[in-house]
Every structure is written in structure tokens, then in C-alpha cells.
Amino acid sequence: MNRKSSTQPVFERDYPVRRLLVLMSDAWTPIIFHCLSDGEKRFSELQRQLPDISKKVLTQVLRRLEGDGLIHRTVYAVVPPRTEYRLTEYGQKLHEPIAMLCQWARSNEAVIEAIYAEREKSIN
């Protein structure tokens, strides 16, 4: 018999935890949220803060987040064109758990380092 346990949630498509994790599942989304948490940033500022991301991938992630209503893009009609990004109200709400994770990471750097060391050993 297949019964749902009251202590073990079923991660169906509309389960809130699953939906949140899907929103945040790529490597760059939480980092971009963290970068935008202290205010509006130009595209070039984001590129400088994230040297490992390609221009194409940064553009794709920003467009997806804008489409999801999590960031707002403002384009200024100047030469050269200027584009700025900021978190929307929903984006700011979603940043709250990301900020907690970032704080935890800063406080537990040794734990993260040990995990990466184990990962490296298992790869080699």
C-alpha cells in the first residue's frame, strides 16, 4: 500500500519546497541575488563581481529572473546604453533565505572547505 507519511512530505510538482528549489537550482541564481541584495547594479558591475560567468550565461539568467518577476531591469536611452538591475519585492523576499545561507557559509568556512576537500579526493 502506498500511503503518504505525515512526517515525510511528498515532493509533488506543486509542493512549495520543490518549487522553491527549482527556482534556485542553477549555480548562478543565488549568487546574482546576493550581488543585487545591496541595491541596483549595472550589467558590467555584475560581470566584475562574477568573473567566472560568461556574458551569455549572465544575460540568460538575468532574463529568466526578470521573466519570473524576481528582478527589474531598467534600460536608459543614453549612449552608450545603460542597463541596471534590482531585486523586485518578490526577489527581496526570496533573498531572505539566501542571505541566511550566505551568513552560514561565512560562519562555517571550515566545514565547506572540508566538504570540498572530500569531493576533490573522491574525484582523484
PDB file of N, CA and C in Angstrom:
ATOM      1  N   MET A   1       0.836  -1.171   0.000  1.00  0.00           N
ATOM      2  CA  MET A   1       0.000   0.000   0.000  1.00  0.00           C
ATOM      3  C   MET A   1       0.888   1.245   0.000  1.00  0.00           C
ATOM      4  N   ASN A   2       0.539   2.249  -0.804  1.00  0.00           N
ATOM      5  CA  ASN A   2       1.315   3.458  -0.940  1.00  0.00           C
ATOM      6  C   ASN A   2       0.630   4.591  -0.179  1.00  0.00           C
ATOM      7  N   ARG A   3       1.097   4.843   1.042  1.00  0.00           N
ATOM      8  CA  ARG A   3       0.492   5.887   1.864  1.00  0.00           C
ATOM      9  C   ARG A   3       1.464   7.041   2.033  1.00  0.00           C
ATOM     10  N   LYS A   4       0.924   8.245   2.122  1.00  0.00           N
ATOM     11  CA  LYS A   4       1.742   9.413   2.401  1.00  0.00           C
ATOM     12  C   LYS A   4       1.972   9.484   3.907  1.00  0.00           C
ATOM     13  N   SER A   5       3.219   9.602   4.306  1.00  0.00           N
ATOM     14  CA  SER A   5       3.555   9.727   5.708  1.00  0.00           C
ATOM     15  C   SER A   5       3.423  11.181   6.120  1.00  0.00           C
ATOM     16  N   SER A   6       2.901  11.413   7.308  1.00  0.00           N
ATOM     17  CA  SER A   6       2.741  12.788   7.778  1.00  0.00           C
ATOM     18  C   SER A   6       4.091  13.418   8.122  1.00  0.00           C
ATOM     19  N   THR A   7       5.129  12.604   8.348  1.00  0.00           N
ATOM     20  CA  THR A   7       6.443  13.157   8.663  1.00  0.00           C
ATOM     21  C   THR A   7       7.323  13.298   7.430  1.00  0.00           C
ATOM     22  N   GLN A   8       7.006  12.618   6.372  1.00  0.00           N
ATOM     23  CA  GLN A   8       7.796  12.651   5.147  1.00  0.00           C
ATOM     24  C   GLN A   8       6.974  13.285   4.032  1.00  0.00           C
ATOM     25  N   PRO A   9       7.261  14.558   3.688  1.00  0.00           N
ATOM     26  CA  PRO A   9       6.456  15.191   2.634  1.00  0.00           C
ATOM     27  C   PRO A   9       6.700  14.539   1.279  1.00  0.00           C
ATOM     28  N   VAL A  10       5.680  14.528   0.474  1.00  0.00           N
ATOM     29  CA  VAL A  10       5.793  14.041  -0.895  1.00  0.00           C
ATOM     30  C   VAL A  10       6.116  15.251  -1.761  1.00  0.00           C
ATOM     31  N   PHE A  11       7.198  15.171  -2.489  1.00  0.00           N
ATOM     32  CA  PHE A  11       7.665  16.315  -3.264  1.00  0.00           C
ATOM     33  C   PHE A  11       7.032  16.332  -4.650  1.00  0.00           C
ATOM     34  N   GLU A  12       5.719  16.467  -4.657  1.00  0.00           N
ATOM     35  CA  GLU A  12       4.990  16.573  -5.916  1.00  0.00           C
ATOM     36  C   GLU A  12       5.289  17.914  -6.559  1.00  0.00           C
ATOM     37  N   ARG A  13       4.924  18.046  -7.809  1.00  0.00           N
ATOM     38  CA  ARG A  13       5.243  19.227  -8.609  1.00  0.00           C
ATOM     39  C   ARG A  13       4.839  20.550  -7.952  1.00  0.00           C
ATOM     40  N   ASP A  14       3.709  20.571  -7.247  1.00  0.00           N
ATOM     41  CA  ASP A  14       3.239  21.827  -6.663  1.00  0.00           C
ATOM     42  C   ASP A  14       3.625  21.999  -5.196  1.00  0.00           C
ATOM     43  N   TYR A  15       4.460  21.114  -4.665  1.00  0.00           N
ATOM     44  CA  TYR A  15       4.913  21.224  -3.281  1.00  0.00           C
ATOM     45  C   TYR A  15       5.806  22.460  -3.165  1.00  0.00           C
ATOM     46  N   PRO A  16       5.539  23.376  -2.218  1.00  0.00           N
ATOM     47  CA  PRO A  16       6.277  24.651  -2.136  1.00  0.00           C
ATOM     48  C   PRO A  16       7.799  24.498  -2.046  1.00  0.00           C
ATOM     49  N   VAL A  17       8.280  23.533  -1.281  1.00  0.00           N
ATOM     50  CA  VAL A  17       9.730  23.359  -1.151  1.00  0.00           C
ATOM     51  C   VAL A  17      10.338  22.984  -2.496  1.00  0.00           C
ATOM     52  N   ARG A  18       9.704  22.070  -3.191  1.00  0.00           N
ATOM     53  CA  ARG A  18      10.213  21.670  -4.511  1.00  0.00           C
ATOM     54  C   ARG A  18      10.206  22.852  -5.463  1.00  0.00           C
ATOM     55  N   ARG A  19       9.134  23.632  -5.456  1.00  0.00           N
ATOM     56  CA  ARG A  19       9.039  24.771  -6.367  1.00  0.00           C
ATOM     57  C   ARG A  19      10.130  25.800  -6.071  1.00  0.00           C
ATOM     58  N   LEU A  20      10.399  26.045  -4.788  1.00  0.00           N
ATOM     59  CA  LEU A  20      11.455  26.982  -4.408  1.00  0.00           C
ATOM     60  C   LEU A  20      12.815  26.467  -4.870  1.00  0.00           C
ATOM     61  N   LEU A  21      13.081  25.188  -4.627  1.00  0.00           N
ATOM     62  CA  LEU A  21      14.376  24.635  -5.018  1.00  0.00           C
ATOM     63  C   LEU A  21      14.564  24.650  -6.529  1.00  0.00           C
ATOM     64  N   VAL A  22      13.504  24.457  -7.286  1.00  0.00           N
ATOM     65  CA  VAL A  22      13.597  24.553  -8.742  1.00  0.00           C
ATOM     66  C   VAL A  22      13.943  25.988  -9.154  1.00  0.00           C
ATOM     67  N   LEU A  23      13.318  26.979  -8.508  1.00  0.00           N
ATOM     68  CA  LEU A  23      13.632  28.378  -8.816  1.00  0.00           C
ATOM     69  C   LEU A  23      15.106  28.698  -8.583  1.00  0.00           C
ATOM     70  N   MET A  24      15.682  28.100  -7.552  1.00  0.00           N
ATOM     71  CA  MET A  24      17.032  28.438  -7.144  1.00  0.00           C
ATOM     72  C   MET A  24      18.070  27.410  -7.597  1.00  0.00           C
ATOM     73  N   SER A  25      17.700  26.487  -8.492  1.00  0.00           N
ATOM     74  CA  SER A  25      18.526  25.316  -8.747  1.00  0.00           C
ATOM     75  C   SER A  25      19.759  25.532  -9.611  1.00  0.00           C
ATOM     76  N   ASP A  26      19.848  26.615 -10.353  1.00  0.00           N
ATOM     77  CA  ASP A  26      21.078  26.767 -11.132  1.00  0.00           C
ATOM     78  C   ASP A  26      22.157  27.412 -10.261  1.00  0.00           C
ATOM     79  N   ALA A  27      23.383  27.292 -10.687  1.00  0.00           N
ATOM     80  CA  ALA A  27      24.510  27.745  -9.868  1.00  0.00           C
ATOM     81  C   ALA A  27      24.563  29.256  -9.686  1.00  0.00           C
ATOM     82  N   TRP A  28      24.036  30.008 -10.638  1.00  0.00           N
ATOM     83  CA  TRP A  28      24.234  31.450 -10.613  1.00  0.00           C
ATOM     84  C   TRP A  28      23.110  32.234  -9.954  1.00  0.00           C
ATOM     85  N   THR A  29      21.903  31.714  -9.911  1.00  0.00           N
ATOM     86  CA  THR A  29      20.777  32.478  -9.374  1.00  0.00           C
ATOM     87  C   THR A  29      21.011  32.969  -7.950  1.00  0.00           C
ATOM     88  N   PRO A  30      21.371  32.103  -6.993  1.00  0.00           N
ATOM     89  CA  PRO A  30      21.576  32.607  -5.634  1.00  0.00           C
ATOM     90  C   PRO A  30      22.702  33.639  -5.547  1.00  0.00           C
ATOM     91  N   ILE A  31      23.742  33.452  -6.360  1.00  0.00           N
ATOM     92  CA  ILE A  31      24.871  34.389  -6.328  1.00  0.00           C
ATOM     93  C   ILE A  31      24.447  35.746  -6.886  1.00  0.00           C
ATOM     94  N   ILE A  32      23.675  35.745  -7.952  1.00  0.00           N
ATOM     95  CA  ILE A  32      23.186  37.008  -8.522  1.00  0.00           C
ATOM     96  C   ILE A  32      22.260  37.701  -7.529  1.00  0.00           C
ATOM     97  N   PHE A  33      21.410  36.935  -6.859  1.00  0.00           N
ATOM     98  CA  PHE A  33      20.555  37.516  -5.823  1.00  0.00           C
ATOM     99  C   PHE A  33      21.401  38.189  -4.756  1.00  0.00           C
ATOM    100  N   HIS A  34      22.452  37.509  -4.335  1.00  0.00           N
ATOM    101  CA  HIS A  34      23.319  38.068  -3.292  1.00  0.00           C
ATOM    102  C   HIS A  34      23.983  39.353  -3.779  1.00  0.00           C
ATOM    103  N   CYS A  35      24.428  39.368  -5.033  1.00  0.00           N
ATOM    104  CA  CYS A  35      25.046  40.572  -5.598  1.00  0.00           C
ATOM    105  C   CYS A  35      24.069  41.743  -5.651  1.00  0.00           C
ATOM    106  N   LEU A  36      22.814  41.453  -5.950  1.00  0.00           N
ATOM    107  CA  LEU A  36      21.810  42.527  -6.072  1.00  0.00           C
ATOM    108  C   LEU A  36      21.191  42.910  -4.724  1.00  0.00           C
ATOM    109  N   SER A  37      21.546  42.201  -3.665  1.00  0.00           N
ATOM    110  CA  SER A  37      20.910  42.451  -2.371  1.00  0.00           C
ATOM    111  C   SER A  37      21.240  43.815  -1.796  1.00  0.00           C
ATOM    112  N   ASP A  38      22.370  44.401  -2.204  1.00  0.00           N
ATOM    113  CA  ASP A  38      22.722  45.710  -1.659  1.00  0.00           C
ATOM    114  C   ASP A  38      22.352  46.856  -2.600  1.00  0.00           C
ATOM    115  N   GLY A  39      21.491  46.569  -3.565  1.00  0.00           N
ATOM    116  CA  GLY A  39      20.984  47.639  -4.414  1.00  0.00           C
ATOM    117  C   GLY A  39      21.184  47.398  -5.896  1.00  0.00           C
ATOM    118  N   GLU A  40      20.782  48.396  -6.653  1.00  0.00           N
ATOM    119  CA  GLU A  40      20.806  48.331  -8.114  1.00  0.00           C
ATOM    120  C   GLU A  40      22.237  48.196  -8.625  1.00  0.00           C
ATOM    121  N   LYS A  41      22.406  47.360  -9.668  1.00  0.00           N
ATOM    122  CA  LYS A  41      23.715  47.158 -10.263  1.00  0.00           C
ATOM    123  C   LYS A  41      23.602  47.209 -11.779  1.00  0.00           C
ATOM    124  N   ARG A  42      24.625  47.761 -12.398  1.00  0.00           N
ATOM    125  CA  ARG A  42      24.720  47.720 -13.852  1.00  0.00           C
ATOM    126  C   ARG A  42      25.222  46.346 -14.270  1.00  0.00           C
ATOM    127  N   PHE A  43      24.950  45.983 -15.521  1.00  0.00           N
ATOM    128  CA  PHE A  43      25.385  44.697 -16.054  1.00  0.00           C
ATOM    129  C   PHE A  43      26.883  44.525 -15.873  1.00  0.00           C
ATOM    130  N   SER A  44      27.647  45.575 -16.194  1.00  0.00           N
ATOM    131  CA  SER A  44      29.112  45.492 -16.094  1.00  0.00           C
ATOM    132  C   SER A  44      29.568  45.297 -14.649  1.00  0.00           C
ATOM    133  N   GLU A  45      28.849  45.857 -13.686  1.00  0.00           N
ATOM    134  CA  GLU A  45      29.189  45.646 -12.278  1.00  0.00           C
ATOM    135  C   GLU A  45      29.004  44.180 -11.895  1.00  0.00           C
ATOM    136  N   LEU A  46      27.896  43.597 -12.370  1.00  0.00           N
ATOM    137  CA  LEU A  46      27.652  42.182 -12.088  1.00  0.00           C
ATOM    138  C   LEU A  46      28.748  41.322 -12.713  1.00  0.00           C
ATOM    139  N   GLN A  47      29.152  41.651 -13.927  1.00  0.00           N
ATOM    140  CA  GLN A  47      30.228  40.896 -14.592  1.00  0.00           C
ATOM    141  C   GLN A  47      31.526  40.970 -13.793  1.00  0.00           C
ATOM    142  N   ARG A  48      31.839  42.150 -13.258  1.00  0.00           N
ATOM    143  CA  ARG A  48      33.066  42.291 -12.464  1.00  0.00           C
ATOM    144  C   ARG A  48      32.976  41.502 -11.159  1.00  0.00           C
ATOM    145  N   GLN A  49      31.792  41.473 -10.555  1.00  0.00           N
ATOM    146  CA  GLN A  49      31.623  40.728  -9.303  1.00  0.00           C
ATOM    147  C   GLN A  49      31.648  39.221  -9.539  1.00  0.00           C
ATOM    148  N   LEU A  50      31.298  38.795 -10.737  1.00  0.00           N
ATOM    149  CA  LEU A  50      31.211  37.367 -11.064  1.00  0.00           C
ATOM    150  C   LEU A  50      32.123  37.048 -12.242  1.00  0.00           C
ATOM    151  N   PRO A  51      33.433  37.045 -12.034  1.00  0.00           N
ATOM    152  CA  PRO A  51      34.350  36.870 -13.168  1.00  0.00           C
ATOM    153  C   PRO A  51      34.257  35.500 -13.843  1.00  0.00           C
ATOM    154  N   ASP A  52      33.682  34.507 -13.178  1.00  0.00           N
ATOM    155  CA  ASP A  52      33.604  33.166 -13.758  1.00  0.00           C
ATOM    156  C   ASP A  52      32.382  32.938 -14.647  1.00  0.00           C
ATOM    157  N   ILE A  53      31.475  33.894 -14.714  1.00  0.00           N
ATOM    158  CA  ILE A  53      30.266  33.716 -15.526  1.00  0.00           C
ATOM    159  C   ILE A  53      30.476  34.388 -16.888  1.00  0.00           C
ATOM    160  N   SER A  54      30.038  33.721 -17.930  1.00  0.00           N
ATOM    161  CA  SER A  54      30.154  34.323 -19.256  1.00  0.00           C
ATOM    162  C   SER A  54      29.065  35.379 -19.431  1.00  0.00           C
ATOM    163  N   LYS A  55      29.298  36.281 -20.354  1.00  0.00           N
ATOM    164  CA  LYS A  55      28.312  37.322 -20.648  1.00  0.00           C
ATOM    165  C   LYS A  55      26.987  36.690 -21.085  1.00  0.00           C
ATOM    166  N   LYS A  56      27.085  35.636 -21.899  1.00  0.00           N
ATOM    167  CA  LYS A  56      25.886  34.953 -22.399  1.00  0.00           C
ATOM    168  C   LYS A  56      25.079  34.341 -21.263  1.00  0.00           C
ATOM    169  N   VAL A  57      25.744  33.641 -20.352  1.00  0.00           N
ATOM    170  CA  VAL A  57      25.033  32.988 -19.244  1.00  0.00           C
ATOM    171  C   VAL A  57      24.456  34.038 -18.296  1.00  0.00           C
ATOM    172  N   LEU A  58      25.212  35.086 -18.007  1.00  0.00           N
ATOM    173  CA  LEU A  58      24.687  36.155 -17.148  1.00  0.00           C
ATOM    174  C   LEU A  58      23.428  36.756 -17.759  1.00  0.00           C
ATOM    175  N   THR A  59      23.460  37.006 -19.048  1.00  0.00           N
ATOM    176  CA  THR A  59      22.287  37.547 -19.745  1.00  0.00           C
ATOM    177  C   THR A  59      21.101  36.591 -19.643  1.00  0.00           C
ATOM    178  N   GLN A  60      21.348  35.302 -19.861  1.00  0.00           N
ATOM    179  CA  GLN A  60      20.265  34.313 -19.795  1.00  0.00           C
ATOM    180  C   GLN A  60      19.643  34.246 -18.402  1.00  0.00           C
ATOM    181  N   VAL A  61      20.476  34.227 -17.380  1.00  0.00           N
ATOM    182  CA  VAL A  61      19.961  34.144 -16.009  1.00  0.00           C
ATOM    183  C   VAL A  61      19.184  35.416 -15.663  1.00  0.00           C
ATOM    184  N   LEU A  62      19.717  36.574 -16.019  1.00  0.00           N
ATOM    185  CA  LEU A  62      19.016  37.832 -15.732  1.00  0.00           C
ATOM    186  C   LEU A  62      17.674  37.889 -16.457  1.00  0.00           C
ATOM    187  N   ARG A  63      17.620  37.446 -17.688  1.00  0.00           N
ATOM    188  CA  ARG A  63      16.354  37.448 -18.435  1.00  0.00           C
ATOM    189  C   ARG A  63      15.333  36.510 -17.798  1.00  0.00           C
ATOM    190  N   ARG A  64      15.808  35.323 -17.360  1.00  0.00           N
ATOM    191  CA  ARG A  64      14.891  34.377 -16.717  1.00  0.00           C
ATOM    192  C   ARG A  64      14.357  34.951 -15.404  1.00  0.00           C
ATOM    193  N   LEU A  65      15.233  35.559 -14.616  1.00  0.00           N
ATOM    194  CA  LEU A  65      14.808  36.142 -13.341  1.00  0.00           C
ATOM    195  C   LEU A  65      13.858  37.318 -13.558  1.00  0.00           C
ATOM    196  N   GLU A  66      14.106  38.079 -14.610  1.00  0.00           N
ATOM    197  CA  GLU A  66      13.187  39.172 -14.950  1.00  0.00           C
ATOM    198  C   GLU A  66      11.837  38.602 -15.369  1.00  0.00           C
ATOM    199  N   GLY A  67      11.852  37.567 -16.174  1.00  0.00           N
ATOM    200  CA  GLY A  67      10.611  36.916 -16.604  1.00  0.00           C
ATOM    201  C   GLY A  67       9.827  36.331 -15.443  1.00  0.00           C
ATOM    202  N   ASP A  68      10.538  35.862 -14.421  1.00  0.00           N
ATOM    203  CA  ASP A  68       9.896  35.311 -13.227  1.00  0.00           C
ATOM    204  C   ASP A  68       9.399  36.404 -12.285  1.00  0.00           C
ATOM    205  N   GLY A  69       9.723  37.656 -12.594  1.00  0.00           N
ATOM    206  CA  GLY A  69       9.291  38.759 -11.732  1.00  0.00           C
ATOM    207  C   GLY A  69      10.140  38.927 -10.484  1.00  0.00           C
ATOM    208  N   LEU A  70      11.377  38.403 -10.519  1.00  0.00           N
ATOM    209  CA  LEU A  70      12.239  38.466  -9.345  1.00  0.00           C
ATOM    210  C   LEU A  70      13.242  39.611  -9.402  1.00  0.00           C
ATOM    211  N   ILE A  71      13.547  40.074 -10.602  1.00  0.00           N
ATOM    212  CA  ILE A  71      14.383  41.266 -10.749  1.00  0.00           C
ATOM    213  C   ILE A  71      13.717  42.214 -11.733  1.00  0.00           C
ATOM    214  N   HIS A  72      14.082  43.476 -11.610  1.00  0.00           N
ATOM    215  CA  HIS A  72      13.571  44.502 -12.514  1.00  0.00           C
ATOM    216  C   HIS A  72      14.757  45.059 -13.290  1.00  0.00           C
ATOM    217  N   ARG A  73      14.559  45.206 -14.581  1.00  0.00           N
ATOM    218  CA  ARG A  73      15.599  45.740 -15.465  1.00  0.00           C
ATOM    219  C   ARG A  73      15.154  47.117 -15.928  1.00  0.00           C
ATOM    220  N   THR A  74      16.057  48.085 -15.802  1.00  0.00           N
ATOM    221  CA  THR A  74      15.803  49.434 -16.296  1.00  0.00           C
ATOM    222  C   THR A  74      16.830  49.739 -17.376  1.00  0.00           C
ATOM    223  N   VAL A  75      16.343  50.115 -18.549  1.00  0.00           N
ATOM    224  CA  VAL A  75      17.224  50.471 -19.667  1.00  0.00           C
ATOM    225  C   VAL A  75      17.124  51.974 -19.857  1.00  0.00           C
ATOM    226  N   TYR A  76      18.275  52.638 -19.834  1.00  0.00           N
ATOM    227  CA  TYR A  76      18.327  54.082 -20.029  1.00  0.00           C
ATOM    228  C   TYR A  76      18.721  54.378 -21.472  1.00  0.00           C
ATOM    229  N   ALA A  77      18.006  55.282 -22.100  1.00  0.00           N
ATOM    230  CA  ALA A  77      18.249  55.633 -23.504  1.00  0.00           C
ATOM    231  C   ALA A  77      19.379  56.653 -23.586  1.00  0.00           C
ATOM    232  N   VAL A  78      20.584  56.182 -23.337  1.00  0.00           N
ATOM    233  CA  VAL A  78      21.772  57.023 -23.418  1.00  0.00           C
ATOM    234  C   VAL A  78      22.787  56.297 -24.298  1.00  0.00           C
ATOM    235  N   VAL A  79      23.805  57.024 -24.710  1.00  0.00           N
ATOM    236  CA  VAL A  79      24.873  56.421 -25.496  1.00  0.00           C
ATOM    237  C   VAL A  79      26.149  56.488 -24.664  1.00  0.00           C
ATOM    238  N   PRO A  80      26.782  55.377 -24.386  1.00  0.00           N
ATOM    239  CA  PRO A  80      26.351  54.006 -24.681  1.00  0.00           C
ATOM    240  C   PRO A  80      25.169  53.614 -23.795  1.00  0.00           C
ATOM    241  N   PRO A  81      24.390  52.616 -24.221  1.00  0.00           N
ATOM    242  CA  PRO A  81      23.218  52.204 -23.454  1.00  0.00           C
ATOM    243  C   PRO A  81      23.608  51.760 -22.046  1.00  0.00           C
ATOM    244  N   ARG A  82      22.750  52.075 -21.110  1.00  0.00           N
ATOM    245  CA  ARG A  82      22.991  51.699 -19.718  1.00  0.00           C
ATOM    246  C   ARG A  82      21.803  50.883 -19.228  1.00  0.00           C
ATOM    247  N   THR A  83      22.086  49.729 -18.634  1.00  0.00           N
ATOM    248  CA  THR A  83      21.045  48.853 -18.110  1.00  0.00           C
ATOM    249  C   THR A  83      21.362  48.556 -16.652  1.00  0.00           C
ATOM    250  N   GLU A  84      20.349  48.697 -15.805  1.00  0.00           N
ATOM    251  CA  GLU A  84      20.527  48.415 -14.387  1.00  0.00           C
ATOM    252  C   GLU A  84      19.511  47.382 -13.936  1.00  0.00           C
ATOM    253  N   TYR A  85      19.910  46.593 -12.942  1.00  0.00           N
ATOM    254  CA  TYR A  85      19.078  45.521 -12.411  1.00  0.00           C
ATOM    255  C   TYR A  85      18.931  45.703 -10.910  1.00  0.00           C
ATOM    256  N   ARG A  86      17.740  45.358 -10.409  1.00  0.00           N
ATOM    257  CA  ARG A  86      17.492  45.374  -8.966  1.00  0.00           C
ATOM    258  C   ARG A  86      16.489  44.287  -8.633  1.00  0.00           C
ATOM    259  N   LEU A  87      16.504  43.867  -7.387  1.00  0.00           N
ATOM    260  CA  LEU A  87      15.532  42.882  -6.933  1.00  0.00           C
ATOM    261  C   LEU A  87      14.156  43.520  -6.829  1.00  0.00           C
ATOM    262  N   THR A  88      13.127  42.790  -7.227  1.00  0.00           N
ATOM    263  CA  THR A  88      11.755  43.241  -7.020  1.00  0.00           C
ATOM    264  C   THR A  88      11.361  42.894  -5.585  1.00  0.00           C
ATOM    265  N   GLU A  89      10.138  43.209  -5.221  1.00  0.00           N
ATOM    266  CA  GLU A  89       9.645  42.856  -3.881  1.00  0.00           C
ATOM    267  C   GLU A  89       9.707  41.336  -3.680  1.00  0.00           C
ATOM    268  N   TYR A  90       9.283  40.580  -4.691  1.00  0.00           N
ATOM    269  CA  TYR A  90       9.370  39.114  -4.601  1.00  0.00           C
ATOM    270  C   TYR A  90      10.827  38.664  -4.514  1.00  0.00           C
ATOM    271  N   GLY A  91      11.677  39.303  -5.279  1.00  0.00           N
ATOM    272  CA  GLY A  91      13.097  38.963  -5.244  1.00  0.00           C
ATOM    273  C   GLY A  91      13.710  39.222  -3.881  1.00  0.00           C
ATOM    274  N   GLN A  92      13.317  40.327  -3.246  1.00  0.00           N
ATOM    275  CA  GLN A  92      13.821  40.625  -1.909  1.00  0.00           C
ATOM    276  C   GLN A  92      13.354  39.581  -0.901  1.00  0.00           C
ATOM    277  N   LYS A  93      12.115  39.145  -1.034  1.00  0.00           N
ATOM    278  CA  LYS A  93      11.599  38.091  -0.137  1.00  0.00           C
ATOM    279  C   LYS A  93      12.361  36.788  -0.346  1.00  0.00           C
ATOM    280  N   LEU A  94      12.643  36.456  -1.594  1.00  0.00           N
ATOM    281  CA  LEU A  94      13.367  35.233  -1.900  1.00  0.00           C
ATOM    282  C   LEU A  94      14.829  35.336  -1.470  1.00  0.00           C
ATOM    283  N   HIS A  95      15.352  36.544  -1.410  1.00  0.00           N
ATOM    284  CA  HIS A  95      16.731  36.718  -0.972  1.00  0.00           C
ATOM    285  C   HIS A  95      16.907  36.413   0.516  1.00  0.00           C
ATOM    286  N   GLU A  96      15.867  36.522   1.306  1.00  0.00           N
ATOM    287  CA  GLU A  96      15.981  36.298   2.755  1.00  0.00           C
ATOM    288  C   GLU A  96      16.622  34.945   3.081  1.00  0.00           C
ATOM    289  N   PRO A  97      16.132  33.825   2.535  1.00  0.00           N
ATOM    290  CA  PRO A  97      16.799  32.549   2.858  1.00  0.00           C
ATOM    291  C   PRO A  97      18.197  32.448   2.245  1.00  0.00           C
ATOM    292  N   ILE A  98      18.414  33.103   1.114  1.00  0.00           N
ATOM    293  CA  ILE A  98      19.746  33.097   0.507  1.00  0.00           C
ATOM    294  C   ILE A  98      20.726  33.819   1.430  1.00  0.00           C
ATOM    295  N   ALA A  99      20.285  34.934   2.009  1.00  0.00           N
ATOM    296  CA  ALA A  99      21.141  35.689   2.929  1.00  0.00           C
ATOM    297  C   ALA A  99      21.506  34.836   4.144  1.00  0.00           C
ATOM    298  N   MET A 100      20.551  34.044   4.632  1.00  0.00           N
ATOM    299  CA  MET A 100      20.845  33.159   5.760  1.00  0.00           C
ATOM    300  C   MET A 100      21.891  32.115   5.375  1.00  0.00           C
ATOM    301  N   LEU A 101      21.754  31.553   4.169  1.00  0.00           N
ATOM    302  CA  LEU A 101      22.752  30.590   3.694  1.00  0.00           C
ATOM    303  C   LEU A 101      24.133  31.240   3.568  1.00  0.00           C
ATOM    304  N   CYS A 102      24.174  32.455   3.046  1.00  0.00           N
ATOM    305  CA  CYS A 102      25.448  33.155   2.891  1.00  0.00           C
ATOM    306  C   CYS A 102      26.088  33.418   4.247  1.00  0.00           C
ATOM    307  N   GLN A 103      25.291  33.819   5.225  1.00  0.00           N
ATOM    308  CA  GLN A 103      25.815  34.044   6.575  1.00  0.00           C
ATOM    309  C   GLN A 103      26.340  32.740   7.167  1.00  0.00           C
ATOM    310  N   TRP A 104      25.581  31.665   6.963  1.00  0.00           N
ATOM    311  CA  TRP A 104      26.023  30.360   7.455  1.00  0.00           C
ATOM    312  C   TRP A 104      27.357  29.984   6.812  1.00  0.00           C
ATOM    313  N   ALA A 105      27.485  30.215   5.510  1.00  0.00           N
ATOM    314  CA  ALA A 105      28.724  29.874   4.798  1.00  0.00           C
ATOM    315  C   ALA A 105      29.908  30.652   5.349  1.00  0.00           C
ATOM    316  N   ARG A 106      29.713  31.939   5.625  1.00  0.00           N
ATOM    317  CA  ARG A 106      30.806  32.737   6.183  1.00  0.00           C
ATOM    318  C   ARG A 106      31.201  32.231   7.565  1.00  0.00           C
ATOM    319  N   SER A 107      30.231  31.778   8.345  1.00  0.00           N
ATOM    320  CA  SER A 107      30.495  31.289   9.704  1.00  0.00           C
ATOM    321  C   SER A 107      31.028  29.865   9.729  1.00  0.00           C
ATOM    322  N   ASN A 108      30.881  29.133   8.645  1.00  0.00           N
ATOM    323  CA  ASN A 108      31.260  27.724   8.593  1.00  0.00           C
ATOM    324  C   ASN A 108      32.201  27.420   7.435  1.00  0.00           C
ATOM    325  N   GLU A 109      33.110  28.320   7.197  1.00  0.00           N
ATOM    326  CA  GLU A 109      34.029  28.165   6.076  1.00  0.00           C
ATOM    327  C   GLU A 109      34.830  26.858   6.177  1.00  0.00           C
ATOM    328  N   ALA A 110      35.206  26.464   7.387  1.00  0.00           N
ATOM    329  CA  ALA A 110      35.979  25.228   7.562  1.00  0.00           C
ATOM    330  C   ALA A 110      35.167  24.005   7.145  1.00  0.00           C
ATOM    331  N   VAL A 111      33.878  24.010   7.427  1.00  0.00           N
ATOM    332  CA  VAL A 111      33.012  22.896   7.030  1.00  0.00           C
ATOM    333  C   VAL A 111      32.964  22.794   5.510  1.00  0.00           C
ATOM    334  N   ILE A 112      32.785  23.918   4.865  1.00  0.00           N
ATOM    335  CA  ILE A 112      32.724  23.937   3.398  1.00  0.00           C
ATOM    336  C   ILE A 112      34.054  23.481   2.809  1.00  0.00           C
ATOM    337  N   GLU A 113      35.146  23.952   3.384  1.00  0.00           N
ATOM    338  CA  GLU A 113      36.470  23.552   2.906  1.00  0.00           C
ATOM    339  C   GLU A 113      36.665  22.047   3.033  1.00  0.00           C
ATOM    340  N   ALA A 114      36.221  21.469   4.145  1.00  0.00           N
ATOM    341  CA  ALA A 114      36.349  20.016   4.339  1.00  0.00           C
ATOM    342  C   ALA A 114      35.514  19.246   3.322  1.00  0.00           C
ATOM    343  N   ILE A 115      34.324  19.725   3.035  1.00  0.00           N
ATOM    344  CA  ILE A 115      33.465  19.068   2.041  1.00  0.00           C
ATOM    345  C   ILE A 115      34.122  19.094   0.671  1.00  0.00           C
ATOM    346  N   TYR A 116      34.657  20.260   0.296  1.00  0.00           N
ATOM    347  CA  TYR A 116      35.334  20.361  -0.996  1.00  0.00           C
ATOM    348  C   TYR A 116      36.580  19.487  -1.050  1.00  0.00           C
ATOM    349  N   ALA A 117      37.296  19.369   0.063  1.00  0.00           N
ATOM    350  CA  ALA A 117      38.478  18.505   0.103  1.00  0.00           C
ATOM    351  C   ALA A 117      38.075  17.046  -0.104  1.00  0.00           C
ATOM    352  N   GLU A 118      36.985  16.628   0.522  1.00  0.00           N
ATOM    353  CA  GLU A 118      36.488  15.252   0.337  1.00  0.00           C
ATOM    354  C   GLU A 118      36.051  15.036  -1.115  1.00  0.00           C
ATOM    355  N   ARG A 119      35.397  16.004  -1.663  1.00  0.00           N
ATOM    356  CA  ARG A 119      34.967  15.903  -3.062  1.00  0.00           C
ATOM    357  C   ARG A 119      36.178  15.756  -3.976  1.00  0.00           C
ATOM    358  N   GLU A 120      37.181  16.551  -3.723  1.00  0.00           N
ATOM    359  CA  GLU A 120      38.395  16.503  -4.540  1.00  0.00           C
ATOM    360  C   GLU A 120      39.072  15.137  -4.433  1.00  0.00           C
ATOM    361  N   LYS A 121      39.104  14.569  -3.223  1.00  0.00           N
ATOM    362  CA  LYS A 121      39.707  13.241  -3.028  1.00  0.00           C
ATOM    363  C   LYS A 121      38.935  12.183  -3.801  1.00  0.00           C
ATOM    364  N   SER A 122      37.626  12.276  -3.802  1.00  0.00           N
ATOM    365  CA  SER A 122      36.833  11.257  -4.488  1.00  0.00           C
ATOM    366  C   SER A 122      36.932  11.368  -5.999  1.00  0.00           C
ATOM    367  N   ILE A 123      37.230  12.544  -6.506  1.00  0.00           N
ATOM    368  CA  ILE A 123      37.394  12.744  -7.950  1.00  0.00           C
ATOM    369  C   ILE A 123      38.726  12.180  -8.408  1.00  0.00           C
ATOM    370  N   ASN A 124      39.747  12.385  -7.602  1.00  0.00           N
ATOM    371  CA  ASN A 124      41.104  11.951  -7.968  1.00  0.00           C
ATOM    372  C   ASN A 124      41.331  10.576  -7.485  1.00  0.00           C
TER     373      ASN A 124
END
